[in-house]
PDB file of N, CA and C in Angstrom:
ATOM      1  N   MET A   1      80.135  17.928 -14.916  1.00  0.00           N
ATOM      2  CA  MET A   1      81.177  18.110 -15.906  1.00  0.00           C
ATOM      3  C   MET A   1      82.010  19.351 -15.571  1.00  0.00           C
ATOM      4  N   LYS A   2      81.333  20.438 -15.182  1.00  0.00           N
ATOM      5  CA  LYS A   2      82.061  21.652 -14.838  1.00  0.00           C
ATOM      6  C   LYS A   2      82.940  21.420 -13.613  1.00  0.00           C
ATOM      7  N   CYS A   3      82.395  20.718 -12.634  1.00  0.00           N
ATOM      8  CA  CYS A   3      83.158  20.441 -11.412  1.00  0.00           C
ATOM      9  C   CYS A   3      84.396  19.610 -11.726  1.00  0.00           C
ATOM     10  N   THR A   4      84.247  18.652 -12.608  1.00  0.00           N
ATOM     11  CA  THR A   4      85.378  17.806 -12.991  1.00  0.00           C
ATOM     12  C   THR A   4      86.456  18.634 -13.676  1.00  0.00           C
ATOM     13  N   THR A   5      86.040  19.521 -14.560  1.00  0.00           N
ATOM     14  CA  THR A   5      86.990  20.375 -15.269  1.00  0.00           C
ATOM     15  C   THR A   5      87.720  21.288 -14.293  1.00  0.00           C
ATOM     16  N   ILE A   6      86.969  21.904 -13.390  1.00  0.00           N
ATOM     17  CA  ILE A   6      87.580  22.794 -12.397  1.00  0.00           C
ATOM     18  C   ILE A   6      88.566  22.022 -11.529  1.00  0.00           C
ATOM     19  N   PHE A   7      88.164  20.821 -11.105  1.00  0.00           N
ATOM     20  CA  PHE A   7      89.044  19.992 -10.279  1.00  0.00           C
ATOM     21  C   PHE A   7      90.336  19.661 -11.015  1.00  0.00           C
ATOM     22  N   LEU A   8      90.220  19.271 -12.280  1.00  0.00           N
ATOM     23  CA  LEU A   8      91.411  18.909 -13.043  1.00  0.00           C
ATOM     24  C   LEU A   8      92.322  20.111 -13.276  1.00  0.00           C
ATOM     25  N   VAL A   9      91.738  21.245 -13.592  1.00  0.00           N
ATOM     26  CA  VAL A   9      92.545  22.448 -13.820  1.00  0.00           C
ATOM     27  C   VAL A   9      93.263  22.857 -12.539  1.00  0.00           C
ATOM     28  N   LEU A  10      92.544  22.877 -11.433  1.00  0.00           N
ATOM     29  CA  LEU A  10      93.178  23.252 -10.169  1.00  0.00           C
ATOM     30  C   LEU A  10      94.236  22.238  -9.751  1.00  0.00           C
ATOM     31  N   SER A  11      93.991  20.971 -10.017  1.00  0.00           N
ATOM     32  CA  SER A  11      94.992  19.942  -9.716  1.00  0.00           C
ATOM     33  C   SER A  11      96.263  20.177 -10.517  1.00  0.00           C
ATOM     34  N   MET A  12      96.113  20.522 -11.783  1.00  0.00           N
ATOM     35  CA  MET A  12      97.284  20.790 -12.617  1.00  0.00           C
ATOM     36  C   MET A  12      98.044  22.015 -12.112  1.00  0.00           C
ATOM     37  N   VAL A  13      97.320  23.031 -11.698  1.00  0.00           N
ATOM     38  CA  VAL A  13      97.978  24.230 -11.170  1.00  0.00           C
ATOM     39  C   VAL A  13      98.791  23.878  -9.935  1.00  0.00           C
ATOM     40  N   VAL A  14      98.212  23.098  -9.043  1.00  0.00           N
ATOM     41  CA  VAL A  14      98.906  22.712  -7.815  1.00  0.00           C
ATOM     42  C   VAL A  14     100.098  21.828  -8.129  1.00  0.00           C
ATOM     43  N   LEU A  15      99.933  20.872  -9.015  1.00  0.00           N
ATOM     44  CA  LEU A  15     101.014  19.947  -9.331  1.00  0.00           C
ATOM     45  C   LEU A  15     102.134  20.606 -10.121  1.00  0.00           C
ATOM     46  N   MET A  16     101.814  21.618 -10.903  1.00  0.00           N
ATOM     47  CA  MET A  16     102.840  22.282 -11.694  1.00  0.00           C
ATOM     48  C   MET A  16     103.569  23.368 -10.914  1.00  0.00           C
ATOM     49  N   ALA A  17     103.085  23.694  -9.737  1.00  0.00           N
ATOM     50  CA  ALA A  17     103.763  24.700  -8.923  1.00  0.00           C
ATOM     51  C   ALA A  17     105.144  24.182  -8.557  1.00  0.00           C
ATOM     52  N   GLU A  18     106.117  25.037  -8.640  1.00  0.00           N
ATOM     53  CA  GLU A  18     107.484  24.623  -8.342  1.00  0.00           C
ATOM     54  C   GLU A  18     107.674  24.529  -6.837  1.00  0.00           C
ATOM     55  N   PRO A  19     108.602  23.702  -6.395  1.00  0.00           N
ATOM     56  CA  PRO A  19     108.827  23.553  -4.952  1.00  0.00           C
ATOM     57  C   PRO A  19     109.192  24.877  -4.283  1.00  0.00           C
ATOM     58  N   GLY A  20     109.836  25.764  -5.008  1.00  0.00           N
ATOM     59  CA  GLY A  20     110.212  27.060  -4.444  1.00  0.00           C
ATOM     60  C   GLY A  20     109.016  27.936  -4.142  1.00  0.00           C
ATOM     61  N   ASP A  21     107.891  27.650  -4.752  1.00  0.00           N
ATOM     62  CA  ASP A  21     106.697  28.450  -4.510  1.00  0.00           C
ATOM     63  C   ASP A  21     106.138  28.218  -3.120  1.00  0.00           C
ATOM     64  N   ALA A  22     106.439  27.074  -2.532  1.00  0.00           N
ATOM     65  CA  ALA A  22     106.001  26.723  -1.173  1.00  0.00           C
ATOM     66  C   ALA A  22     104.495  26.890  -1.019  1.00  0.00           C
ATOM     67  N   PHE A  23     103.761  26.380  -1.977  1.00  0.00           N
ATOM     68  CA  PHE A  23     102.305  26.512  -1.990  1.00  0.00           C
ATOM     69  C   PHE A  23     101.676  25.899  -0.747  1.00  0.00           C
ATOM     70  N   PHE A  24     102.102  24.673  -0.430  1.00  0.00           N
ATOM     71  CA  PHE A  24     101.519  23.993   0.727  1.00  0.00           C
ATOM     72  C   PHE A  24     101.972  24.644   2.026  1.00  0.00           C
ATOM     73  N   GLY A  25     103.189  25.159   2.044  1.00  0.00           N
ATOM     74  CA  GLY A  25     103.686  25.852   3.232  1.00  0.00           C
ATOM     75  C   GLY A  25     102.859  27.081   3.554  1.00  0.00           C
ATOM     76  N   HIS A  26     102.473  27.836   2.515  1.00  0.00           N
ATOM     77  CA  HIS A  26     101.634  29.014   2.723  1.00  0.00           C
ATOM     78  C   HIS A  26     100.279  28.623   3.308  1.00  0.00           C
ATOM     79  N   ILE A  27      99.715  27.549   2.792  1.00  0.00           N
ATOM     80  CA  ILE A  27      98.412  27.094   3.284  1.00  0.00           C
ATOM     81  C   ILE A  27      98.514  26.678   4.744  1.00  0.00           C
ATOM     82  N   LEU A  28      99.543  25.886   5.071  1.00  0.00           N
ATOM     83  CA  LEU A  28      99.698  25.428   6.456  1.00  0.00           C
ATOM     84  C   LEU A  28      99.965  26.593   7.406  1.00  0.00           C
ATOM     85  N   LYS A  29     100.816  27.534   6.994  1.00  0.00           N
ATOM     86  CA  LYS A  29     101.089  28.697   7.843  1.00  0.00           C
ATOM     87  C   LYS A  29      99.820  29.519   8.046  1.00  0.00           C
ATOM     88  N   GLY A  30      99.015  29.641   7.004  1.00  0.00           N
ATOM     89  CA  GLY A  30      97.760  30.377   7.123  1.00  0.00           C
ATOM     90  C   GLY A  30      96.801  29.712   8.088  1.00  0.00           C
ATOM     91  N   ILE A  31      96.706  28.391   8.007  1.00  0.00           N
ATOM     92  CA  ILE A  31      95.817  27.652   8.913  1.00  0.00           C
ATOM     93  C   ILE A  31      96.286  27.808  10.353  1.00  0.00           C
ATOM     94  N   VAL A  32      97.597  27.688  10.576  1.00  0.00           N
ATOM     95  CA  VAL A  32      98.142  27.837  11.932  1.00  0.00           C
ATOM     96  C   VAL A  32      97.903  29.257  12.443  1.00  0.00           C
ATOM     97  N   SER A  33      98.104  30.241  11.586  1.00  0.00           N
ATOM     98  CA  SER A  33      97.900  31.634  11.982  1.00  0.00           C
ATOM     99  C   SER A  33      96.447  31.893  12.373  1.00  0.00           C
ATOM    100  N   VAL A  34      95.521  31.385  11.578  1.00  0.00           N
ATOM    101  CA  VAL A  34      94.098  31.553  11.894  1.00  0.00           C
ATOM    102  C   VAL A  34      93.774  30.884  13.224  1.00  0.00           C
ATOM    103  N   GLY A  35      94.324  29.683  13.437  1.00  0.00           N
ATOM    104  CA  GLY A  35      94.102  28.983  14.703  1.00  0.00           C
ATOM    105  C   GLY A  35      94.624  29.777  15.889  1.00  0.00           C
ATOM    106  N   LYS A  36      95.804  30.374  15.740  1.00  0.00           N
ATOM    107  CA  LYS A  36      96.369  31.179  16.829  1.00  0.00           C
ATOM    108  C   LYS A  36      95.519  32.416  17.096  1.00  0.00           C
ATOM    109  N   HIS A  37      95.029  33.053  16.031  1.00  0.00           N
ATOM    110  CA  HIS A  37      94.181  34.233  16.214  1.00  0.00           C
ATOM    111  C   HIS A  37      92.883  33.866  16.931  1.00  0.00           C
ATOM    112  N   ILE A  38      92.283  32.769  16.539  1.00  0.00           N
ATOM    113  CA  ILE A  38      91.046  32.332  17.195  1.00  0.00           C
ATOM    114  C   ILE A  38      91.320  32.015  18.656  1.00  0.00           C
ATOM    115  N   HIS A  39      92.415  31.323  18.927  1.00  0.00           N
ATOM    116  CA  HIS A  39      92.777  30.997  20.310  1.00  0.00           C
ATOM    117  C   HIS A  39      92.998  32.278  21.121  1.00  0.00           C
ATOM    118  N   GLY A  40      93.680  33.253  20.512  1.00  0.00           N
ATOM    119  CA  GLY A  40      93.914  34.522  21.198  1.00  0.00           C
ATOM    120  C   GLY A  40      92.620  35.261  21.487  1.00  0.00           C
ATOM    121  N   LEU A  41      91.688  35.215  20.539  1.00  0.00           N
ATOM    122  CA  LEU A  41      90.400  35.874  20.761  1.00  0.00           C
ATOM    123  C   LEU A  41      89.625  35.204  21.886  1.00  0.00           C
ATOM    124  N   ILE A  42      89.683  33.882  21.922  1.00  0.00           N
ATOM    125  CA  ILE A  42      88.972  33.150  22.970  1.00  0.00           C
ATOM    126  C   ILE A  42      89.572  33.459  24.331  1.00  0.00           C
ATOM    127  N   ARG A  43      90.891  33.505  24.399  1.00  0.00           N
ATOM    128  CA  ARG A  43      91.582  33.741  25.667  1.00  0.00           C
ATOM    129  C   ARG A  43      91.645  35.221  26.039  1.00  0.00           C
ATOM    130  N   GLY A  44      91.292  36.101  25.118  1.00  0.00           N
ATOM    131  CA  GLY A  44      91.283  37.531  25.410  1.00  0.00           C
ATOM    132  C   GLY A  44      92.643  38.184  25.266  1.00  0.00           C
ATOM    133  N   ARG A  45      93.591  37.504  24.662  1.00  0.00           N
ATOM    134  CA  ARG A  45      94.931  38.064  24.514  1.00  0.00           C
ATOM    135  C   ARG A  45      95.054  38.931  23.269  1.00  0.00           C
ATOM    136  N   HIS A  46      94.179  38.725  22.336  1.00  0.00           N
ATOM    137  CA  HIS A  46      94.275  39.440  21.066  1.00  0.00           C
ATOM    138  C   HIS A  46      94.085  40.942  21.269  1.00  0.00           C
ATOM    139  N   GLY A  47      93.134  41.314  22.087  1.00  0.00           N
ATOM    140  CA  GLY A  47      92.874  42.729  22.321  1.00  0.00           C
ATOM    141  C   GLY A  47      94.055  43.422  22.970  1.00  0.00           C
ATOM    142  N   GLU A  48      94.719  42.723  23.860  1.00  0.00           N
ATOM    143  CA  GLU A  48      95.881  43.278  24.542  1.00  0.00           C
ATOM    144  C   GLU A  48      97.007  43.559  23.544  1.00  0.00           C
ATOM    145  N   ALA A  49      97.250  42.624  22.669  1.00  0.00           N
ATOM    146  CA  ALA A  49      98.298  42.792  21.666  1.00  0.00           C
ATOM    147  C   ALA A  49      97.947  43.926  20.707  1.00  0.00           C
ATOM    148  N   MET A  50      96.685  44.023  20.354  1.00  0.00           N
ATOM    149  CA  MET A  50      96.259  45.095  19.455  1.00  0.00           C
ATOM    150  C   MET A  50      96.450  46.462  20.100  1.00  0.00           C
ATOM    151  N   ARG A  51      96.141  46.564  21.389  1.00  0.00           N
ATOM    152  CA  ARG A  51      96.335  47.838  22.088  1.00  0.00           C
ATOM    153  C   ARG A  51      97.809  48.223  22.116  1.00  0.00           C
ATOM    154  N   GLU A  52      98.679  47.236  22.336  1.00  0.00           N
ATOM    155  CA  GLU A  52     100.113  47.511  22.343  1.00  0.00           C
ATOM    156  C   GLU A  52     100.583  47.974  20.966  1.00  0.00           C
ATOM    157  N   GLN A  53     100.096  47.323  19.924  1.00  0.00           N
ATOM    158  CA  GLN A  53     100.479  47.713  18.567  1.00  0.00           C
ATOM    159  C   GLN A  53      99.972  49.116  18.247  1.00  0.00           C
ATOM    160  N   ASP A  54      98.750  49.429  18.668  1.00  0.00           N
ATOM    161  CA  ASP A  54      98.206  50.764  18.437  1.00  0.00           C
ATOM    162  C   ASP A  54      99.031  51.819  19.163  1.00  0.00           C
ATOM    163  N   ALA A  55      99.433  51.527  20.399  1.00  0.00           N
ATOM    164  CA  ALA A  55     100.242  52.469  21.163  1.00  0.00           C
ATOM    165  C   ALA A  55     101.590  52.692  20.478  1.00  0.00           C
ATOM    166  N   MET A  56     102.189  51.612  19.985  1.00  0.00           N
ATOM    167  CA  MET A  56     103.469  51.744  19.290  1.00  0.00           C
ATOM    168  C   MET A  56     103.310  52.548  18.006  1.00  0.00           C
ATOM    169  N   ARG A  57     102.213  52.315  17.279  1.00  0.00           N
ATOM    170  CA  ARG A  57     101.952  53.059  16.053  1.00  0.00           C
ATOM    171  C   ARG A  57     101.764  54.546  16.347  1.00  0.00           C
ATOM    172  N   ASP A  58     101.060  54.851  17.445  1.00  0.00           N
ATOM    173  CA  ASP A  58     100.865  56.244  17.829  1.00  0.00           C
ATOM    174  C   ASP A  58     102.189  56.911  18.168  1.00  0.00           C
ATOM    175  N   GLN A  59     103.056  56.196  18.890  1.00  0.00           N
ATOM    176  CA  GLN A  59     104.363  56.748  19.232  1.00  0.00           C
ATOM    177  C   GLN A  59     105.192  56.992  17.974  1.00  0.00           C
ATOM    178  N   ASP A  60     105.138  56.064  17.038  1.00  0.00           N
ATOM    179  CA  ASP A  60     105.868  56.239  15.780  1.00  0.00           C
ATOM    180  C   ASP A  60     105.347  57.451  15.015  1.00  0.00           C
ATOM    181  N   ALA A  61     104.044  57.632  15.005  1.00  0.00           N
ATOM    182  CA  ALA A  61     103.450  58.773  14.309  1.00  0.00           C
ATOM    183  C   ALA A  61     103.887  60.080  14.963  1.00  0.00           C
ATOM    184  N   MET A  62     103.929  60.096  16.296  1.00  0.00           N
ATOM    185  CA  MET A  62     104.366  61.307  17.006  1.00  0.00           C
ATOM    186  C   MET A  62     105.827  61.618  16.663  1.00  0.00           C
ATOM    187  N   ARG A  63     106.680  60.580  16.647  1.00  0.00           N
ATOM    188  CA  ARG A  63     108.091  60.787  16.305  1.00  0.00           C
ATOM    189  C   ARG A  63     108.227  61.295  14.874  1.00  0.00           C
ATOM    190  N   ASP A  64     107.434  60.757  13.968  1.00  0.00           N
ATOM    191  CA  ASP A  64     107.484  61.201  12.578  1.00  0.00           C
ATOM    192  C   ASP A  64     107.074  62.663  12.458  1.00  0.00           C
ATOM    193  N   GLN A  65     106.033  63.061  13.201  1.00  0.00           N
ATOM    194  CA  GLN A  65     105.595  64.452  13.172  1.00  0.00           C
ATOM    195  C   GLN A  65     106.668  65.375  13.730  1.00  0.00           C
ATOM    196  N   GLU A  66     107.319  64.963  14.819  1.00  0.00           N
ATOM    197  CA  GLU A  66     108.398  65.775  15.386  1.00  0.00           C
ATOM    198  C   GLU A  66     109.545  65.914  14.396  1.00  0.00           C
ATOM    199  N   ALA A  67     109.905  64.816  13.753  1.00  0.00           N
ATOM    200  CA  ALA A  67     110.988  64.853  12.773  1.00  0.00           C
ATOM    201  C   ALA A  67     110.623  65.771  11.613  1.00  0.00           C
ATOM    202  N   MET A  68     109.364  65.732  11.191  1.00  0.00           N
ATOM    203  CA  MET A  68     108.922  66.590  10.097  1.00  0.00           C
ATOM    204  C   MET A  68     109.001  68.059  10.502  1.00  0.00           C
ATOM    205  N   ARG A  69     108.572  68.372  11.733  1.00  0.00           N
ATOM    206  CA  ARG A  69     108.652  69.760  12.215  1.00  0.00           C
ATOM    207  C   ARG A  69     110.101  70.228  12.283  1.00  0.00           C
ATOM    208  N   ASP A  70     110.995  69.360  12.782  1.00  0.00           N
ATOM    209  CA  ASP A  70     112.409  69.721  12.860  1.00  0.00           C
ATOM    210  C   ASP A  70     112.988  69.970  11.477  1.00  0.00           C
ATOM    211  N   LYS A  71     112.624  69.119  10.524  1.00  0.00           N
ATOM    212  CA  LYS A  71     113.125  69.282   9.160  1.00  0.00           C
ATOM    213  C   LYS A  71     112.605  70.578   8.549  1.00  0.00           C
ATOM    214  N   GLU A  72     111.342  70.887   8.775  1.00  0.00           N
ATOM    215  CA  GLU A  72     110.780  72.128   8.249  1.00  0.00           C
ATOM    216  C   GLU A  72     111.473  73.337   8.861  1.00  0.00           C
ATOM    217  N   ALA A  73     111.767  73.274  10.156  1.00  0.00           N
ATOM    218  CA  ALA A  73     112.458  74.384  10.816  1.00  0.00           C
ATOM    219  C   ALA A  73     113.863  74.554  10.239  1.00  0.00           C
ATOM    220  N   MET A  74     114.566  73.448  10.008  1.00  0.00           N
ATOM    221  CA  MET A  74     115.903  73.527   9.419  1.00  0.00           C
ATOM    222  C   MET A  74     115.842  74.078   8.002  1.00  0.00           C
ATOM    223  N   ASP A  75     114.857  73.647   7.232  1.00  0.00           N
ATOM    224  CA  ASP A  75     114.695  74.159   5.871  1.00  0.00           C
ATOM    225  C   ASP A  75     114.402  75.652   5.887  1.00  0.00           C
ATOM    226  N   GLN A  76     113.578  76.084   6.822  1.00  0.00           N
ATOM    227  CA  GLN A  76     113.239  77.505   6.922  1.00  0.00           C
ATOM    228  C   GLN A  76     114.484  78.324   7.264  1.00  0.00           C
ATOM    229  N   ARG A  77     115.300  77.820   8.226  1.00  0.00           N
ATOM    230  CA  ARG A  77     116.533  78.530   8.587  1.00  0.00           C
ATOM    231  C   ARG A  77     117.491  78.604   7.401  1.00  0.00           C
ATOM    232  N   ALA A  78     117.621  77.509   6.663  1.00  0.00           N
ATOM    233  CA  ALA A  78     118.506  77.497   5.496  1.00  0.00           C
ATOM    234  C   ALA A  78     118.004  78.472   4.439  1.00  0.00           C
ATOM    235  N   PHE A  79     116.697  78.525   4.240  1.00  0.00           N
ATOM    236  CA  PHE A  79     116.117  79.454   3.274  1.00  0.00           C
ATOM    237  C   PHE A  79     116.386  80.898   3.681  1.00  0.00           C
ATOM    238  N   GLU A  80     116.223  81.193   4.965  1.00  0.00           N
ATOM    239  CA  GLU A  80     116.460  82.556   5.452  1.00  0.00           C
ATOM    240  C   GLU A  80     117.929  82.939   5.320  1.00  0.00           C
ATOM    241  N   GLN A  81     118.838  81.990   5.563  1.00  0.00           N
ATOM    242  CA  GLN A  81     120.263  82.278   5.413  1.00  0.00           C
ATOM    243  C   GLN A  81     120.609  82.542   3.954  1.00  0.00           C
ATOM    244  N   GLU A  82     120.051  81.759   3.043  1.00  0.00           N
ATOM    245  CA  GLU A  82     120.306  81.969   1.619  1.00  0.00           C
ATOM    246  C   GLU A  82     119.763  83.317   1.172  1.00  0.00           C
ATOM    247  N   ARG A  83     118.596  83.673   1.677  1.00  0.00           N
ATOM    248  CA  ARG A  83     117.990  84.950   1.307  1.00  0.00           C
ATOM    249  C   ARG A  83     118.807  86.111   1.861  1.00  0.00           C
ATOM    250  N   ALA A  84     119.402  85.929   3.047  1.00  0.00           N
ATOM    251  CA  ALA A  84     120.207  86.990   3.647  1.00  0.00           C
ATOM    252  C   ALA A  84     121.489  87.219   2.844  1.00  0.00           C
ATOM    253  N   PHE A  85     122.053  86.171   2.260  1.00  0.00           N
ATOM    254  CA  PHE A  85     123.280  86.314   1.482  1.00  0.00           C
ATOM    255  C   PHE A  85     123.017  86.854   0.084  1.00  0.00           C
ATOM    256  N   ALA A  86     121.821  86.720  -0.415  1.00  0.00           N
ATOM    257  CA  ALA A  86     121.521  87.132  -1.789  1.00  0.00           C
ATOM    258  C   ALA A  86     121.284  88.587  -1.936  1.00  0.00           C
TER     259      ALA A  86
END
């Protein structure tokens, strides 16, 4: 009885979903994505892509740190100039 109720409720949720929700599209894209990840792991390509992403993330972090240091230096110079005029 509980299984029947759960099935009916879930069926209503799926059937009442609007076409714009793309419920089935999300499921299919998820299945395809999982399949591609498994294939990549089997072929050994996944690790290579992860290393590239990690390297890019590290470079972005370094650029962000440099930008932060430059901004702090500019703020310090502006503060010193304001203090000199006061």
